C-alpha atoms as a PDB file:
ATOM      1  CA  MET A   1       0.000   0.000   0.000  1.00  0.00           C
ATOM      2  CA  VAL A   2       1.681   3.268   1.131  1.00  0.00           C
ATOM      3  CA  THR A   3       4.901   3.718   3.090  1.00  0.00           C
ATOM      4  CA  ILE A   4       5.355   6.616   5.519  1.00  0.00           C
ATOM      5  CA  THR A   5       8.935   7.643   6.222  1.00  0.00           C
ATOM      6  CA  LEU A   6       9.997   8.380   9.776  1.00  0.00           C
ATOM      7  CA  GLN A   7      10.762  11.982   8.795  1.00  0.00           C
ATOM      8  CA  ALA A   8       7.252  12.449   7.318  1.00  0.00           C
ATOM      9  CA  ALA A   9       5.578  10.856  10.330  1.00  0.00           C
ATOM     10  CA  ASP A  10       7.559  12.990  12.784  1.00  0.00           C
ATOM     11  CA  LYS A  11       6.826  16.215  10.876  1.00  0.00           C
ATOM     12  CA  ALA A  12       3.109  15.391  10.556  1.00  0.00           C
ATOM     13  CA  LYS A  13       2.821  14.539  14.276  1.00  0.00           C
ATOM     14  CA  GLU A  14       4.649  17.770  15.137  1.00  0.00           C
ATOM     15  CA  PHE A  15       2.238  19.779  12.960  1.00  0.00           C
ATOM     16  CA  LEU A  16      -0.828  17.997  14.371  1.00  0.00           C
ATOM     17  CA  ALA A  17       0.342  18.622  17.939  1.00  0.00           C
ATOM     18  CA  LYS A  18       0.818  22.353  17.217  1.00  0.00           C
ATOM     19  CA  GLU A  19      -2.761  22.436  15.863  1.00  0.00           C
ATOM     20  CA  GLY A  20      -4.095  20.683  18.987  1.00  0.00           C
ATOM     21  CA  LYS A  21      -5.007  17.614  16.941  1.00  0.00           C
ATOM     22  CA  ASP A  22      -2.959  14.894  18.635  1.00  0.00           C
ATOM     23  CA  GLY A  23      -4.086  11.452  17.496  1.00  0.00           C
ATOM     24  CA  TRP A  24      -5.469  12.716  14.190  1.00  0.00           C
ATOM     25  CA  GLY A  25      -4.034  11.545  10.887  1.00  0.00           C
ATOM     26  CA  LEU A  26      -3.543  12.508   7.268  1.00  0.00           C
ATOM     27  CA  ARG A  27      -6.081  11.770   4.532  1.00  0.00           C
ATOM     28  CA  LEU A  28      -4.726  11.007   1.069  1.00  0.00           C
ATOM     29  CA  SER A  29      -7.137  11.672  -1.804  1.00  0.00           C
ATOM     30  CA  LEU A  30      -7.029  11.511  -5.585  1.00  0.00           C
ATOM     31  CA  TYR A  31      -8.338  14.385  -7.698  1.00  0.00           C
ATOM     32  CA  GLY A  32      -8.804  14.195 -11.418  1.00  0.00           C
ATOM     33  CA  GLY A  33      -7.510  11.171 -13.218  1.00  0.00           C
ATOM     34  CA  GLY A  34      -6.300  10.082 -16.592  1.00  0.00           C
ATOM     35  CA  CYS A  35      -2.600  10.524 -17.289  1.00  0.00           C
ATOM     36  CA  SER A  36      -1.857  13.083 -14.580  1.00  0.00           C
ATOM     37  CA  PRO A  37      -3.964  12.813 -11.436  1.00  0.00           C
ATOM     38  CA  SER A  38      -3.466  15.193  -8.541  1.00  0.00           C
ATOM     39  CA  TYR A  39      -3.160  14.041  -4.971  1.00  0.00           C
ATOM     40  CA  GLY A  40      -4.406  15.836  -1.885  1.00  0.00           C
ATOM     41  CA  LEU A  41      -3.059  15.445   1.633  1.00  0.00           C
ATOM     42  CA  ASP A  42      -5.278  16.855   4.378  1.00  0.00           C
ATOM     43  CA  ILE A  43      -5.659  16.328   8.101  1.00  0.00           C
ATOM     44  CA  ALA A  44      -8.540  14.214   9.391  1.00  0.00           C
ATOM     45  CA  GLU A  45      -9.690  13.029  12.791  1.00  0.00           C
ATOM     46  CA  ASN A  46     -11.154   9.757  11.521  1.00  0.00           C
ATOM     47  CA  PRO A  47     -11.307   7.800   8.284  1.00  0.00           C
ATOM     48  CA  GLN A  48     -14.336   8.059   6.050  1.00  0.00           C
ATOM     49  CA  GLU A  49     -16.454   4.949   5.576  1.00  0.00           C
ATOM     50  CA  ASP A  50     -14.546   3.394   2.634  1.00  0.00           C
ATOM     51  CA  ASP A  51     -11.050   4.649   3.502  1.00  0.00           C
ATOM     52  CA  ALA A  52      -8.148   2.246   3.880  1.00  0.00           C
ATOM     53  CA  VAL A  53      -6.105   2.944   7.012  1.00  0.00           C
ATOM     54  CA  VAL A  54      -2.324   2.656   7.173  1.00  0.00           C
ATOM     55  CA  GLU A  55      -0.411   3.319  10.377  1.00  0.00           C
ATOM     56  CA  GLN A  56       3.368   3.524  10.396  1.00  0.00           C
ATOM     57  CA  ASN A  57       5.867   5.287  12.625  1.00  0.00           C
ATOM     58  CA  GLY A  58       2.997   6.385  14.884  1.00  0.00           C
ATOM     59  CA  LEU A  59       1.057   8.211  12.151  1.00  0.00           C
ATOM     60  CA  LYS A  60      -2.298   7.201  10.673  1.00  0.00           C
ATOM     61  CA  VAL A  61      -2.982   7.806   6.997  1.00  0.00           C
ATOM     62  CA  PHE A  62      -6.517   7.424   5.675  1.00  0.00           C
ATOM     63  CA  ILE A  63      -6.551   6.592   1.975  1.00  0.00           C
ATOM     64  CA  ASP A  64      -9.572   7.510  -0.125  1.00  0.00           C
ATOM     65  CA  LYS A  65     -11.122   4.497  -1.865  1.00  0.00           C
ATOM     66  CA  GLU A  66     -10.535   6.015  -5.321  1.00  0.00           C
ATOM     67  CA  ALA A  67      -6.885   6.685  -4.487  1.00  0.00           C
ATOM     68  CA  SER A  68      -6.038   3.210  -3.135  1.00  0.00           C
ATOM     69  CA  ALA A  69      -4.964   1.616  -6.416  1.00  0.00           C
ATOM     70  CA  ALA A  70      -3.247   4.755  -7.721  1.00  0.00           C
ATOM     71  CA  VAL A  71      -1.076   5.218  -4.610  1.00  0.00           C
ATOM     72  CA  SER A  72      -0.095   1.579  -4.211  1.00  0.00           C
ATOM     73  CA  GLY A  73       3.657   1.428  -3.680  1.00  0.00           C
ATOM     74  CA  MET A  74       4.019   5.162  -3.007  1.00  0.00           C
ATOM     75  CA  GLU A  75       6.059   6.627  -0.200  1.00  0.00           C
ATOM     76  CA  ILE A  76       5.035   9.711   1.759  1.00  0.00           C
ATOM     77  CA  ASP A  77       8.165  11.634   2.695  1.00  0.00           C
ATOM     78  CA  TYR A  78       8.983  15.071   4.063  1.00  0.00           C
ATOM     79  CA  VAL A  79      11.591  17.145   2.251  1.00  0.00           C
ATOM     80  CA  ASP A  80      13.401  20.210   3.568  1.00  0.00           C
ATOM     81  CA  ASP A  81      16.415  20.902   1.378  1.00  0.00           C
ATOM     82  CA  GLY A  82      16.517  24.676   1.615  1.00  0.00           C
ATOM     83  CA  SER A  83      14.638  25.384  -1.601  1.00  0.00           C
ATOM     84  CA  VAL A  84      11.761  22.914  -1.162  1.00  0.00           C
ATOM     85  CA  GLN A  85       9.936  22.182   2.064  1.00  0.00           C
ATOM     86  CA  GLY A  86       6.899  19.939   2.433  1.00  0.00           C
ATOM     87  CA  PHE A  87       5.367  16.513   2.052  1.00  0.00           C
ATOM     88  CA  VAL A  88       6.037  14.655  -1.177  1.00  0.00           C
ATOM     89  CA  LEU A  89       4.737  11.461  -2.733  1.00  0.00           C
ATOM     90  CA  LYS A  90       7.366   9.289  -4.369  1.00  0.00           C
ATOM     91  CA  GLY A  91       7.162   6.182  -6.534  1.00  0.00           C
ATOM     92  CA  GLY A  92       4.071   4.116  -7.108  1.00  0.00           C
ATOM     93  CA  GLU A  93       2.423   3.035 -10.308  1.00  0.00           C
ATOM     94  CA  GLN A  94       2.258   5.639 -13.031  1.00  0.00           C
ATOM     95  CA  PRO A  95      -0.996   5.715 -14.989  1.00  0.00           C
ATOM     96  CA  SER A  96      -0.819   3.950 -18.315  1.00  0.00           C
ATOM     97  CA  CYS A  97      -1.941   5.538 -21.533  1.00  0.00           C
ATOM     98  CA  GLY A  98      -5.598   4.776 -22.028  1.00  0.00           C
ATOM     99  CA  PRO A  99      -8.765   6.239 -23.481  1.00  0.00           C
ATOM    100  CA  SER A 100      -8.703   9.239 -21.152  1.00  0.00           C
ATOM    101  CA  CYS A 101      -5.140  10.152 -22.170  1.00  0.00           C
ATOM    102  CA  SER A 102      -3.777  11.737 -25.284  1.00  0.00           C
ATOM    103  CA  CYS A 103      -0.325  10.185 -25.113  1.00  0.00           C
ATOM    104  CA  GLY A 104       2.356  10.438 -27.720  1.00  0.00           C
END
């Protein structure tokens, strides 16, 4: 399913604690589709009815039903390299060219 790095989990827990939302988690959603979907990462107290739940390094991530297949194999990481700071999704299956794409 999804892997959560220790750095991402620590940063998310730090943020949630500052917001007074200890014990909450992140909700990963898929927007759009086709060749280039967009992913959303929000905070949530509880999963929605059809969400998959992943817990690693003390952080819960609720994965939207529509996003489950698209994010399989992805890693949630936190990057802070001076020029970029924030959560990033790495890896996973890239969408294949199909009827909703205009590839090549």
